[in-house]
C-alpha atoms as a PDB file:
ATOM      1  CA  MET A   1       0.000   0.000   0.000  1.00  0.00           C
ATOM      2  CA  ASP A   2       1.345   3.424  -1.015  1.00  0.00           C
ATOM      3  CA  VAL A   3       0.082   5.338   1.988  1.00  0.00           C
ATOM      4  CA  ALA A   4       0.931   8.778   0.583  1.00  0.00           C
ATOM      5  CA  ALA A   5      -1.094   8.051  -2.558  1.00  0.00           C
ATOM      6  CA  LEU A   6      -3.904   6.618  -0.458  1.00  0.00           C
ATOM      7  CA  LEU A   7      -4.116   9.759   1.674  1.00  0.00           C
ATOM      8  CA  GLY A   8      -3.766  12.056  -1.315  1.00  0.00           C
ATOM      9  CA  VAL A   9      -0.973  14.057   0.332  1.00  0.00           C
ATOM     10  CA  PRO A  10       2.218  13.555  -1.716  1.00  0.00           C
ATOM     11  CA  ALA A  11       4.483  15.249   0.850  1.00  0.00           C
ATOM     12  CA  VAL A  12       3.841  12.392   3.270  1.00  0.00           C
ATOM     13  CA  GLY A  13       5.773   9.971   1.083  1.00  0.00           C
ATOM     14  CA  ASP A  14       8.864  12.157   1.262  1.00  0.00           C
ATOM     15  CA  HIS A  15       8.900  12.105   5.071  1.00  0.00           C
ATOM     16  CA  LEU A  16       7.926   8.556   6.039  1.00  0.00           C
ATOM     17  CA  ALA A  17      11.616   7.653   6.286  1.00  0.00           C
ATOM     18  CA  ARG A  18      11.842  10.105   9.185  1.00  0.00           C
ATOM     19  CA  SER A  19       9.118   8.175  10.976  1.00  0.00           C
ATOM     20  CA  GLU A  20      10.910   4.908  10.311  1.00  0.00           C
ATOM     21  CA  GLN A  21      14.118   6.262  11.771  1.00  0.00           C
ATOM     22  CA  ALA A  22      12.304   7.643  14.811  1.00  0.00           C
ATOM     23  CA  LEU A  23      10.532   4.318  15.369  1.00  0.00           C
ATOM     24  CA  ARG A  24      13.811   2.415  15.347  1.00  0.00           C
ATOM     25  CA  HIS A  25      15.440   4.958  17.652  1.00  0.00           C
ATOM     26  CA  SER A  26      12.505   4.785  20.069  1.00  0.00           C
ATOM     27  CA  VAL A  27      13.017   1.078  20.821  1.00  0.00           C
ATOM     28  CA  ALA A  28      16.702   1.353  21.619  1.00  0.00           C
ATOM     29  CA  ALA A  29      17.177  -0.177  25.066  1.00  0.00           C
ATOM     30  CA  MET A  30      20.042  -0.865  27.449  1.00  0.00           C
ATOM     31  CA  ASP A  31      18.990  -4.512  27.471  1.00  0.00           C
ATOM     32  CA  PRO A  32      19.856  -6.054  24.071  1.00  0.00           C
ATOM     33  CA  LEU A  33      17.021  -8.598  24.210  1.00  0.00           C
ATOM     34  CA  LEU A  34      14.408  -5.952  24.959  1.00  0.00           C
ATOM     35  CA  GLY A  35      15.705  -3.815  22.099  1.00  0.00           C
ATOM     36  CA  GLU A  36      15.628  -6.773  19.713  1.00  0.00           C
ATOM     37  CA  VAL A  37      12.146  -7.894  20.687  1.00  0.00           C
ATOM     38  CA  GLY A  38      10.777  -4.349  20.794  1.00  0.00           C
ATOM     39  CA  GLY A  39      12.033  -3.735  17.274  1.00  0.00           C
ATOM     40  CA  HIS A  40      10.903  -7.083  15.844  1.00  0.00           C
ATOM     41  CA  LEU A  41       7.647  -5.919  14.227  1.00  0.00           C
ATOM     42  CA  ILE A  42       9.084  -2.514  13.386  1.00  0.00           C
ATOM     43  CA  ALA A  43      11.774  -4.254  11.324  1.00  0.00           C
ATOM     44  CA  ALA A  44       9.055  -6.373   9.680  1.00  0.00           C
ATOM     45  CA  GLY A  45       7.629  -3.209   8.147  1.00  0.00           C
ATOM     46  CA  GLY A  46       4.069  -2.041   7.944  1.00  0.00           C
ATOM     47  CA  LYS A  47       1.822   0.457   6.232  1.00  0.00           C
ATOM     48  CA  ARG A  48       2.660   3.177   8.811  1.00  0.00           C
ATOM     49  CA  VAL A  49      -0.829   4.607   8.444  1.00  0.00           C
ATOM     50  CA  ARG A  50      -0.731   6.376  11.811  1.00  0.00           C
ATOM     51  CA  PRO A  51       2.486   8.353  11.257  1.00  0.00           C
ATOM     52  CA  ALA A  52       1.210   9.186   7.771  1.00  0.00           C
ATOM     53  CA  LEU A  53      -2.109  10.442   9.176  1.00  0.00           C
ATOM     54  CA  ALA A  54      -0.305  12.741  11.611  1.00  0.00           C
ATOM     55  CA  MET A  55       1.721  14.229   8.762  1.00  0.00           C
ATOM     56  CA  ALA A  56      -1.272  14.537   6.460  1.00  0.00           C
ATOM     57  CA  ALA A  57      -3.292  16.318   9.153  1.00  0.00           C
ATOM     58  CA  ALA A  58      -0.504  18.831   9.763  1.00  0.00           C
ATOM     59  CA  VAL A  59      -0.309  19.587   6.053  1.00  0.00           C
ATOM     60  CA  ALA A  60      -4.089  19.701   5.583  1.00  0.00           C
ATOM     61  CA  ILE A  61      -4.669  22.682   7.872  1.00  0.00           C
ATOM     62  CA  GLY A  62      -3.028  24.844   5.227  1.00  0.00           C
ATOM     63  CA  HIS A  63      -0.861  27.112   7.322  1.00  0.00           C
ATOM     64  CA  PRO A  64       1.098  29.588   5.161  1.00  0.00           C
ATOM     65  CA  VAL A  65       4.156  27.340   4.894  1.00  0.00           C
ATOM     66  CA  THR A  66       5.112  24.656   2.422  1.00  0.00           C
ATOM     67  CA  ASP A  67       3.900  21.104   2.929  1.00  0.00           C
ATOM     68  CA  ASP A  68       7.441  20.021   3.764  1.00  0.00           C
ATOM     69  CA  GLN A  69       7.790  22.731   6.403  1.00  0.00           C
ATOM     70  CA  ALA A  70       4.489  21.692   7.981  1.00  0.00           C
ATOM     71  CA  ILE A  71       5.886  18.238   8.767  1.00  0.00           C
ATOM     72  CA  THR A  72       7.997  19.198  11.758  1.00  0.00           C
ATOM     73  CA  ASP A  73       9.870  16.878  14.097  1.00  0.00           C
ATOM     74  CA  GLU A  74       7.000  17.251  16.578  1.00  0.00           C
ATOM     75  CA  VAL A  75       4.502  16.067  13.962  1.00  0.00           C
ATOM     76  CA  VAL A  76       6.687  13.072  13.136  1.00  0.00           C
ATOM     77  CA  LEU A  77       7.038  12.153  16.810  1.00  0.00           C
ATOM     78  CA  GLY A  78       3.303  12.499  17.370  1.00  0.00           C
ATOM     79  CA  GLY A  79       2.643   9.939  14.659  1.00  0.00           C
ATOM     80  CA  VAL A  80       5.390   7.677  15.996  1.00  0.00           C
ATOM     81  CA  SER A  81       3.848   7.679  19.484  1.00  0.00           C
ATOM     82  CA  CYS A  82       0.562   6.404  18.007  1.00  0.00           C
ATOM     83  CA  GLU A  83       2.342   3.779  15.901  1.00  0.00           C
ATOM     84  CA  LEU A  84       4.148   2.476  18.992  1.00  0.00           C
ATOM     85  CA  VAL A  85       0.814   2.085  20.779  1.00  0.00           C
ATOM     86  CA  HIS A  86      -0.503   0.186  17.764  1.00  0.00           C
ATOM     87  CA  ILE A  87       2.510  -2.147  17.611  1.00  0.00           C
ATOM     88  CA  GLY A  88       2.488  -2.702  21.368  1.00  0.00           C
ATOM     89  CA  SER A  89      -1.176  -3.655  21.183  1.00  0.00           C
ATOM     90  CA  LEU A  90      -0.338  -6.188  18.445  1.00  0.00           C
ATOM     91  CA  TYR A  91       2.177  -7.869  20.757  1.00  0.00           C
ATOM     92  CA  HIS A  92      -0.536  -8.227  23.392  1.00  0.00           C
ATOM     93  CA  ASP A  93      -3.160  -9.329  20.826  1.00  0.00           C
ATOM     94  CA  ASP A  94      -0.888 -12.082  19.543  1.00  0.00           C
ATOM     95  CA  VAL A  95      -0.461 -13.446  23.058  1.00  0.00           C
ATOM     96  CA  MET A  96      -4.229 -13.569  23.566  1.00  0.00           C
ATOM     97  CA  ASP A  97      -4.773 -15.117  20.128  1.00  0.00           C
ATOM     98  CA  GLU A  98      -1.833 -17.543  20.424  1.00  0.00           C
ATOM     99  CA  ALA A  99      -0.758 -16.260  17.005  1.00  0.00           C
ATOM    100  CA  THR A 100       2.266 -17.729  15.251  1.00  0.00           C
ATOM    101  CA  THR A 101       2.780 -15.126  12.505  1.00  0.00           C
ATOM    102  CA  ARG A 102       2.340 -11.398  12.072  1.00  0.00           C
ATOM    103  CA  ARG A 103       3.298  -9.295   9.035  1.00  0.00           C
ATOM    104  CA  ASN A 104       4.644 -12.417   7.351  1.00  0.00           C
ATOM    105  CA  VAL A 105       7.203 -13.037  10.115  1.00  0.00           C
ATOM    106  CA  GLU A 106       7.154 -15.165  13.246  1.00  0.00           C
ATOM    107  CA  SER A 107       5.157 -13.488  16.000  1.00  0.00           C
ATOM    108  CA  VAL A 108       7.000 -12.304  19.090  1.00  0.00           C
ATOM    109  CA  ASN A 109       5.091 -14.618  21.431  1.00  0.00           C
ATOM    110  CA  HIS A 110       5.829 -17.629  19.233  1.00  0.00           C
ATOM    111  CA  ARG A 111       9.532 -16.838  18.999  1.00  0.00           C
ATOM    112  CA  TRP A 112      10.299 -15.603  22.517  1.00  0.00           C
ATOM    113  CA  GLY A 113       7.293 -16.703  24.584  1.00  0.00           C
ATOM    114  CA  ASN A 114       4.286 -14.962  26.073  1.00  0.00           C
ATOM    115  CA  LEU A 115       6.069 -13.327  29.014  1.00  0.00           C
ATOM    116  CA  VAL A 116       8.647 -11.622  26.822  1.00  0.00           C
ATOM    117  CA  ALA A 117       5.945 -10.563  24.348  1.00  0.00           C
ATOM    118  CA  ILE A 118       3.845  -8.955  27.093  1.00  0.00           C
ATOM    119  CA  LEU A 119       6.836  -7.130  28.566  1.00  0.00           C
ATOM    120  CA  ALA A 120       7.926  -5.934  25.116  1.00  0.00           C
ATOM    121  CA  GLY A 121       4.405  -4.653  24.410  1.00  0.00           C
ATOM    122  CA  ASP A 122       4.468  -2.774  27.717  1.00  0.00           C
ATOM    123  CA  PHE A 123       7.877  -1.358  26.784  1.00  0.00           C
ATOM    124  CA  LEU A 124       6.484   0.037  23.520  1.00  0.00           C
ATOM    125  CA  LEU A 125       3.517   1.605  25.331  1.00  0.00           C
ATOM    126  CA  ALA A 126       5.927   3.206  27.796  1.00  0.00           C
ATOM    127  CA  ARG A 127       8.045   4.597  24.972  1.00  0.00           C
ATOM    128  CA  ALA A 128       4.914   5.983  23.293  1.00  0.00           C
ATOM    129  CA  SER A 129       3.875   7.697  26.522  1.00  0.00           C
ATOM    130  CA  GLU A 130       7.343   9.156  26.983  1.00  0.00           C
ATOM    131  CA  ILE A 131       7.293  10.648  23.486  1.00  0.00           C
ATOM    132  CA  ALA A 132       3.776  12.038  23.967  1.00  0.00           C
ATOM    133  CA  ALA A 133       4.788  13.666  27.271  1.00  0.00           C
ATOM    134  CA  GLY A 134       7.516  15.526  25.406  1.00  0.00           C
ATOM    135  CA  LEU A 135       4.870  17.025  23.101  1.00  0.00           C
ATOM    136  CA  GLY A 136       2.823  18.573  25.907  1.00  0.00           C
ATOM    137  CA  THR A 137       0.178  17.688  28.448  1.00  0.00           C
ATOM    138  CA  GLU A 138      -2.700  17.748  25.946  1.00  0.00           C
ATOM    139  CA  VAL A 139      -1.006  15.211  23.674  1.00  0.00           C
ATOM    140  CA  ALA A 140       0.023  13.037  26.643  1.00  0.00           C
ATOM    141  CA  ALA A 141      -3.542  13.033  27.996  1.00  0.00           C
ATOM    142  CA  LEU A 142      -4.946  12.198  24.562  1.00  0.00           C
ATOM    143  CA  LEU A 143      -2.603   9.239  24.135  1.00  0.00           C
ATOM    144  CA  ALA A 144      -3.443   7.961  27.625  1.00  0.00           C
ATOM    145  CA  ARG A 145      -7.165   8.154  26.838  1.00  0.00           C
ATOM    146  CA  THR A 146      -6.566   6.326  23.564  1.00  0.00           C
ATOM    147  CA  ILE A 147      -4.731   3.489  25.314  1.00  0.00           C
ATOM    148  CA  GLY A 148      -7.643   3.247  27.746  1.00  0.00           C
ATOM    149  CA  ARG A 149     -10.107   3.037  24.877  1.00  0.00           C
ATOM    150  CA  LEU A 150      -8.093   0.249  23.273  1.00  0.00           C
ATOM    151  CA  CYS A 151      -8.411  -1.736  26.498  1.00  0.00           C
ATOM    152  CA  GLU A 152     -12.149  -1.056  26.713  1.00  0.00           C
ATOM    153  CA  GLY A 153     -12.641  -2.171  23.124  1.00  0.00           C
ATOM    154  CA  GLN A 154     -10.668  -5.337  23.711  1.00  0.00           C
ATOM    155  CA  VAL A 155     -12.672  -6.217  26.819  1.00  0.00           C
ATOM    156  CA  SER A 156     -15.917  -5.612  24.916  1.00  0.00           C
ATOM    157  CA  GLU A 157     -14.722  -7.944  22.175  1.00  0.00           C
ATOM    158  CA  LEU A 158     -13.676 -10.625  24.662  1.00  0.00           C
ATOM    159  CA  ARG A 159     -17.085 -10.466  26.320  1.00  0.00           C
ATOM    160  CA  THR A 160     -18.818 -11.443  23.077  1.00  0.00           C
ATOM    161  CA  MET A 161     -16.400 -14.070  21.788  1.00  0.00           C
ATOM    162  CA  PHE A 162     -18.204 -17.060  20.222  1.00  0.00           C
ATOM    163  CA  ASP A 163     -21.523 -15.243  20.690  1.00  0.00           C
ATOM    164  CA  THR A 164     -23.581 -15.668  17.522  1.00  0.00           C
ATOM    165  CA  SER A 165     -26.049 -13.115  18.856  1.00  0.00           C
ATOM    166  CA  ARG A 166     -23.410 -10.387  18.991  1.00  0.00           C
ATOM    167  CA  SER A 167     -25.078  -7.133  17.988  1.00  0.00           C
ATOM    168  CA  GLU A 168     -23.938  -4.849  15.222  1.00  0.00           C
ATOM    169  CA  ALA A 169     -23.839  -1.981  17.714  1.00  0.00           C
ATOM    170  CA  ASP A 170     -21.449  -3.932  19.934  1.00  0.00           C
ATOM    171  CA  CYS A 171     -19.256  -4.779  16.941  1.00  0.00           C
ATOM    172  CA  LEU A 172     -19.081  -1.160  15.766  1.00  0.00           C
ATOM    173  CA  GLY A 173     -18.464   0.058  19.311  1.00  0.00           C
ATOM    174  CA  SER A 174     -15.497  -2.253  19.632  1.00  0.00           C
ATOM    175  CA  ILE A 175     -14.119  -1.032  16.294  1.00  0.00           C
ATOM    176  CA  THR A 176     -14.502   2.567  17.474  1.00  0.00           C
ATOM    177  CA  ASP A 177     -12.421   1.893  20.576  1.00  0.00           C
ATOM    178  CA  LYS A 178      -9.891  -0.592  19.208  1.00  0.00           C
ATOM    179  CA  THR A 179      -9.130   0.885  15.796  1.00  0.00           C
ATOM    180  CA  ALA A 180     -10.799   4.209  15.063  1.00  0.00           C
ATOM    181  CA  SER A 181      -9.600   5.859  18.276  1.00  0.00           C
ATOM    182  CA  LEU A 182      -6.060   5.083  17.127  1.00  0.00           C
ATOM    183  CA  THR A 183      -6.560   6.660  13.705  1.00  0.00           C
ATOM    184  CA  ALA A 184      -8.318   9.701  15.169  1.00  0.00           C
ATOM    185  CA  ALA A 185      -5.473  10.262  17.656  1.00  0.00           C
ATOM    186  CA  PRO A 186      -2.658  10.880  15.129  1.00  0.00           C
ATOM    187  CA  CYS A 187      -4.903  13.199  13.131  1.00  0.00           C
ATOM    188  CA  ARG A 188      -5.650  15.202  16.259  1.00  0.00           C
ATOM    189  CA  ILE A 189      -2.051  15.204  17.444  1.00  0.00           C
ATOM    190  CA  GLY A 190      -0.704  16.141  14.017  1.00  0.00           C
ATOM    191  CA  CYS A 191      -2.814  19.246  13.696  1.00  0.00           C
ATOM    192  CA  LEU A 192      -2.538  20.155  17.408  1.00  0.00           C
ATOM    193  CA  VAL A 193       1.259  20.376  17.290  1.00  0.00           C
ATOM    194  CA  ALA A 194       1.005  22.176  13.926  1.00  0.00           C
ATOM    195  CA  GLY A 195      -1.040  24.968  15.524  1.00  0.00           C
ATOM    196  CA  ALA A 196      -4.481  24.259  14.038  1.00  0.00           C
ATOM    197  CA  SER A 197      -7.602  26.060  15.183  1.00  0.00           C
ATOM    198  CA  GLU A 198     -10.104  24.263  17.405  1.00  0.00           C
ATOM    199  CA  LYS A 199     -12.479  23.896  14.459  1.00  0.00           C
ATOM    200  CA  GLN A 200      -9.754  22.341  12.319  1.00  0.00           C
ATOM    201  CA  VAL A 201      -8.668  19.997  15.118  1.00  0.00           C
ATOM    202  CA  ASP A 202     -12.226  18.763  15.639  1.00  0.00           C
ATOM    203  CA  ALA A 203     -12.777  18.280  11.889  1.00  0.00           C
ATOM    204  CA  LEU A 204      -9.600  16.251  11.411  1.00  0.00           C
ATOM    205  CA  THR A 205     -10.348  14.190  14.516  1.00  0.00           C
ATOM    206  CA  ALA A 206     -13.799  13.357  13.113  1.00  0.00           C
ATOM    207  CA  PHE A 207     -12.162  12.483   9.810  1.00  0.00           C
ATOM    208  CA  GLY A 208      -9.691  10.155  11.536  1.00  0.00           C
ATOM    209  CA  LEU A 209     -12.444   8.398  13.457  1.00  0.00           C
ATOM    210  CA  ALA A 210     -14.545   7.762  10.340  1.00  0.00           C
ATOM    211  CA  PHE A 211     -11.474   6.731   8.337  1.00  0.00           C
ATOM    212  CA  GLY A 212     -10.605   4.195  11.038  1.00  0.00           C
ATOM    213  CA  MET A 213     -14.091   2.700  10.967  1.00  0.00           C
ATOM    214  CA  ALA A 214     -13.897   2.188   7.195  1.00  0.00           C
ATOM    215  CA  PHE A 215     -10.339   0.877   7.536  1.00  0.00           C
ATOM    216  CA  GLN A 216     -11.252  -1.806  10.082  1.00  0.00           C
ATOM    217  CA  ILE A 217     -14.418  -2.963   8.318  1.00  0.00           C
ATOM    218  CA  ARG A 218     -12.309  -3.374   5.187  1.00  0.00           C
ATOM    219  CA  ASP A 219      -9.821  -5.466   7.188  1.00  0.00           C
ATOM    220  CA  ASP A 220     -12.657  -7.564   8.585  1.00  0.00           C
ATOM    221  CA  VAL A 221     -13.897  -8.225   5.061  1.00  0.00           C
ATOM    222  CA  LEU A 222     -10.375  -9.156   3.979  1.00  0.00           C
ATOM    223  CA  ASP A 223     -10.209 -11.716   6.774  1.00  0.00           C
ATOM    224  CA  VAL A 224     -13.129 -13.430   5.033  1.00  0.00           C
ATOM    225  CA  VAL A 225     -12.173 -12.961   1.374  1.00  0.00           C
ATOM    226  CA  GLY A 226      -8.363 -12.589   1.499  1.00  0.00           C
ATOM    227  CA  ASP A 227      -5.465 -14.988   1.877  1.00  0.00           C
ATOM    228  CA  GLU A 228      -2.444 -15.289   4.138  1.00  0.00           C
ATOM    229  CA  ALA A 229      -0.090 -13.688   1.619  1.00  0.00           C
ATOM    230  CA  THR A 230      -2.306 -10.592   1.477  1.00  0.00           C
ATOM    231  CA  LEU A 231      -2.985 -10.401   5.201  1.00  0.00           C
ATOM    232  CA  GLY A 232       0.439 -11.278   6.573  1.00  0.00           C
ATOM    233  CA  LYS A 233      -1.276 -13.719   8.956  1.00  0.00           C
ATOM    234  CA  PRO A 234      -3.623 -16.698   8.545  1.00  0.00           C
ATOM    235  CA  ALA A 235      -6.949 -15.842   6.911  1.00  0.00           C
ATOM    236  CA  GLY A 236     -10.173 -16.543   8.751  1.00  0.00           C
ATOM    237  CA  GLN A 237      -8.627 -16.062  12.181  1.00  0.00           C
ATOM    238  CA  ASP A 238     -11.545 -13.982  13.432  1.00  0.00           C
ATOM    239  CA  LEU A 239     -13.855 -16.936  12.842  1.00  0.00           C
ATOM    240  CA  VAL A 240     -11.449 -19.336  14.528  1.00  0.00           C
ATOM    241  CA  GLU A 241     -11.115 -17.067  17.547  1.00  0.00           C
ATOM    242  CA  GLY A 242     -14.834 -16.440  17.847  1.00  0.00           C
ATOM    243  CA  VAL A 243     -14.685 -12.754  16.955  1.00  0.00           C
ATOM    244  CA  TYR A 244     -17.754 -12.299  14.779  1.00  0.00           C
ATOM    245  CA  THR A 245     -17.194  -9.196  12.696  1.00  0.00           C
ATOM    246  CA  LEU A 246     -19.641  -7.154  10.650  1.00  0.00           C
ATOM    247  CA  PRO A 247     -19.632  -9.363   7.505  1.00  0.00           C
ATOM    248  CA  VAL A 248     -20.289 -12.402   9.709  1.00  0.00           C
ATOM    249  CA  ILE A 249     -23.035 -10.643  11.673  1.00  0.00           C
ATOM    250  CA  ARG A 250     -24.709  -9.627   8.414  1.00  0.00           C
ATOM    251  CA  ALA A 251     -24.298 -13.173   7.048  1.00  0.00           C
ATOM    252  CA  LEU A 252     -26.018 -14.532  10.173  1.00  0.00           C
ATOM    253  CA  ALA A 253     -28.954 -12.289   9.305  1.00  0.00           C
ATOM    254  CA  ASP A 254     -29.108 -13.624   5.736  1.00  0.00           C
ATOM    255  CA  PRO A 255     -31.797 -16.340   5.540  1.00  0.00           C
ATOM    256  CA  GLU A 256     -29.980 -17.954   2.628  1.00  0.00           C
ATOM    257  CA  VAL A 257     -27.054 -19.090   4.832  1.00  0.00           C
ATOM    258  CA  ALA A 258     -27.976 -18.406   8.461  1.00  0.00           C
ATOM    259  CA  ALA A 259     -29.590 -21.784   9.136  1.00  0.00           C
ATOM    260  CA  GLU A 260     -26.404 -23.602   8.149  1.00  0.00           C
ATOM    261  CA  LEU A 261     -23.859 -21.040   9.377  1.00  0.00           C
ATOM    262  CA  ARG A 262     -25.183 -20.436  12.900  1.00  0.00           C
ATOM    263  CA  PRO A 263     -24.816 -24.059  14.150  1.00  0.00           C
ATOM    264  CA  LEU A 264     -21.238 -24.110  12.841  1.00  0.00           C
ATOM    265  CA  LEU A 265     -20.234 -21.099  14.919  1.00  0.00           C
ATOM    266  CA  GLY A 266     -20.279 -20.561  18.675  1.00  0.00           C
ATOM    267  CA  ARG A 267     -17.198 -22.714  19.241  1.00  0.00           C
ATOM    268  CA  ALA A 268     -13.603 -23.115  18.103  1.00  0.00           C
ATOM    269  CA  LEU A 269     -13.227 -24.248  14.485  1.00  0.00           C
ATOM    270  CA  ASP A 270     -10.713 -26.536  12.891  1.00  0.00           C
ATOM    271  CA  VAL A 271      -9.293 -25.644   9.456  1.00  0.00           C
ATOM    272  CA  PRO A 272     -11.964 -27.405   7.345  1.00  0.00           C
ATOM    273  CA  GLU A 273     -14.738 -25.846   9.447  1.00  0.00           C
ATOM    274  CA  ARG A 274     -13.096 -22.432   9.190  1.00  0.00           C
ATOM    275  CA  ASP A 275     -12.928 -22.695   5.418  1.00  0.00           C
ATOM    276  CA  LYS A 276     -16.537 -23.832   5.246  1.00  0.00           C
ATOM    277  CA  ALA A 277     -17.639 -20.898   7.379  1.00  0.00           C
ATOM    278  CA  ARG A 278     -15.644 -18.468   5.222  1.00  0.00           C
ATOM    279  CA  ASP A 279     -17.241 -19.891   2.088  1.00  0.00           C
ATOM    280  CA  MET A 280     -20.707 -19.392   3.535  1.00  0.00           C
ATOM    281  CA  VAL A 281     -19.999 -15.806   4.582  1.00  0.00           C
ATOM    282  CA  ARG A 282     -18.539 -15.067   1.133  1.00  0.00           C
ATOM    283  CA  SER A 283     -21.608 -16.518  -0.580  1.00  0.00           C
ATOM    284  CA  SER A 284     -23.972 -14.461   1.577  1.00  0.00           C
ATOM    285  CA  ARG A 285     -24.882 -10.807   1.324  1.00  0.00           C
ATOM    286  CA  GLY A 286     -22.747 -10.159   4.414  1.00  0.00           C
ATOM    287  CA  VAL A 287     -19.638  -8.976   2.584  1.00  0.00           C
ATOM    288  CA  ASP A 288     -21.459  -6.518   0.325  1.00  0.00           C
ATOM    289  CA  GLU A 289     -23.543  -5.180   3.191  1.00  0.00           C
ATOM    290  CA  ALA A 290     -20.478  -4.713   5.393  1.00  0.00           C
ATOM    291  CA  LEU A 291     -18.740  -2.805   2.603  1.00  0.00           C
ATOM    292  CA  ALA A 292     -21.840  -0.618   2.213  1.00  0.00           C
ATOM    293  CA  VAL A 293     -21.511   0.323   5.888  1.00  0.00           C
ATOM    294  CA  ALA A 294     -17.823   1.068   5.325  1.00  0.00           C
ATOM    295  CA  ARG A 295     -18.821   3.328   2.418  1.00  0.00           C
ATOM    296  CA  ARG A 296     -21.070   5.316   4.734  1.00  0.00           C
ATOM    297  CA  TYR A 297     -18.144   5.876   7.071  1.00  0.00           C
ATOM    298  CA  ALA A 298     -16.049   6.910   4.065  1.00  0.00           C
ATOM    299  CA  ASP A 299     -18.757   9.462   3.264  1.00  0.00           C
ATOM    300  CA  ASN A 300     -18.541  10.721   6.848  1.00  0.00           C
ATOM    301  CA  ALA A 301     -14.766  11.031   6.568  1.00  0.00           C
ATOM    302  CA  SER A 302     -15.123  13.155   3.463  1.00  0.00           C
ATOM    303  CA  ALA A 303     -17.889  15.288   4.967  1.00  0.00           C
ATOM    304  CA  ALA A 304     -15.798  16.012   8.072  1.00  0.00           C
ATOM    305  CA  LEU A 305     -13.299  17.937   5.947  1.00  0.00           C
ATOM    306  CA  SER A 306     -15.925  19.996   4.157  1.00  0.00           C
ATOM    307  CA  ILE A 307     -15.016  22.928   6.437  1.00  0.00           C
ATOM    308  CA  PHE A 308     -11.988  23.481   4.228  1.00  0.00           C
ATOM    309  CA  GLY A 309     -14.299  24.075   1.268  1.00  0.00           C
ATOM    310  CA  GLY A 310     -11.918  22.622  -1.296  1.00  0.00           C
ATOM    311  CA  ARG A 311      -9.506  25.515  -0.701  1.00  0.00           C
ATOM    312  CA  ILE A 312      -6.578  23.347   0.428  1.00  0.00           C
ATOM    313  CA  ALA A 313      -5.384  20.653  -1.965  1.00  0.00           C
ATOM    314  CA  SER A 314      -4.067  18.400   0.808  1.00  0.00           C
ATOM    315  CA  ALA A 315      -7.332  18.519   2.739  1.00  0.00           C
ATOM    316  CA  ASP A 316      -9.235  17.800  -0.461  1.00  0.00           C
ATOM    317  CA  GLY A 317      -6.991  14.814  -1.195  1.00  0.00           C
ATOM    318  CA  LEU A 318      -7.322  13.501   2.343  1.00  0.00           C
ATOM    319  CA  ALA A 319     -11.115  13.748   2.159  1.00  0.00           C
ATOM    320  CA  GLY A 320     -11.267  11.051  -0.519  1.00  0.00           C
ATOM    321  CA  SER A 321      -8.820   8.654   1.130  1.00  0.00           C
ATOM    322  CA  ALA A 322     -11.335   6.314   2.790  1.00  0.00           C
ATOM    323  CA  HIS A 323     -13.118   5.812  -0.520  1.00  0.00           C
ATOM    324  CA  ARG A 324      -9.787   5.092  -2.250  1.00  0.00           C
ATOM    325  CA  LEU A 325      -9.050   2.534   0.456  1.00  0.00           C
ATOM    326  CA  LEU A 326     -12.288   0.694  -0.296  1.00  0.00           C
ATOM    327  CA  ASP A 327     -11.907   1.045  -4.064  1.00  0.00           C
ATOM    328  CA  ALA A 328      -8.598  -0.839  -3.812  1.00  0.00           C
ATOM    329  CA  LEU A 329     -10.225  -3.875  -2.147  1.00  0.00           C
END
């Protein structure tokens, strides 16, 4: 994924290397093992959506400087703090899911064990908090709230595991806390440290939240229709783990497949059962209906930036990014 092209802000692509360097520097530790483990998924790469969103937000407010000048060290570090929270949460997720791969490499828990993975995830969260504190009390408080929301979203998801009656509202609420809060945060931080007005900050935060909703629903659809090479992890894992996402919830409401699909779920699945369940969800109206919901969030993302009135090219490009994300599916 070319994240700069996706966001419609070309300057982002010229500065992502700064984020990469800052990420690697942030996990340097006196203990060699902690430094190695902390940097494991960073070295594996990633889309770096959160650092890119922070940069794009700083550029989109249209202060009378060049796009390059708008992407200050503070903006870069704000995006890095959010990316570290994201990566740290992946370490913890992989422990809970007993995952063996992540981003096409061996997962930390599988290579070094659960205890090391948990400690390394905590280390990344601590580094993120340290960076945020250096950007001011408002940014530090925002990052702390975001980490809290991630925990709330995870607990909500755990509470409904293997529950075939999971509501759509519960599913979307968990996405809001687990994913969208962590795409809204870099947008807010990026324009806060760039000196945006309150109106601009609120608009870009709303954009980031809606973008994150569309982003996660797309990922949930990919878990049903994609493959391991595309995902960087085994496909169908949500079904195996009993996390029934929006396409599955909509499939369970489809009379064409519900009678056969519902008895299959509600418990752990082996590989043949997983593949059968994926086939049923794919053949239902669940995927198309889930993508229609994602499109509505993409509309919301675009509408949030209407305050700029098409006057700023970067804001205009950013406004269409959620739709481009879905178009590329």
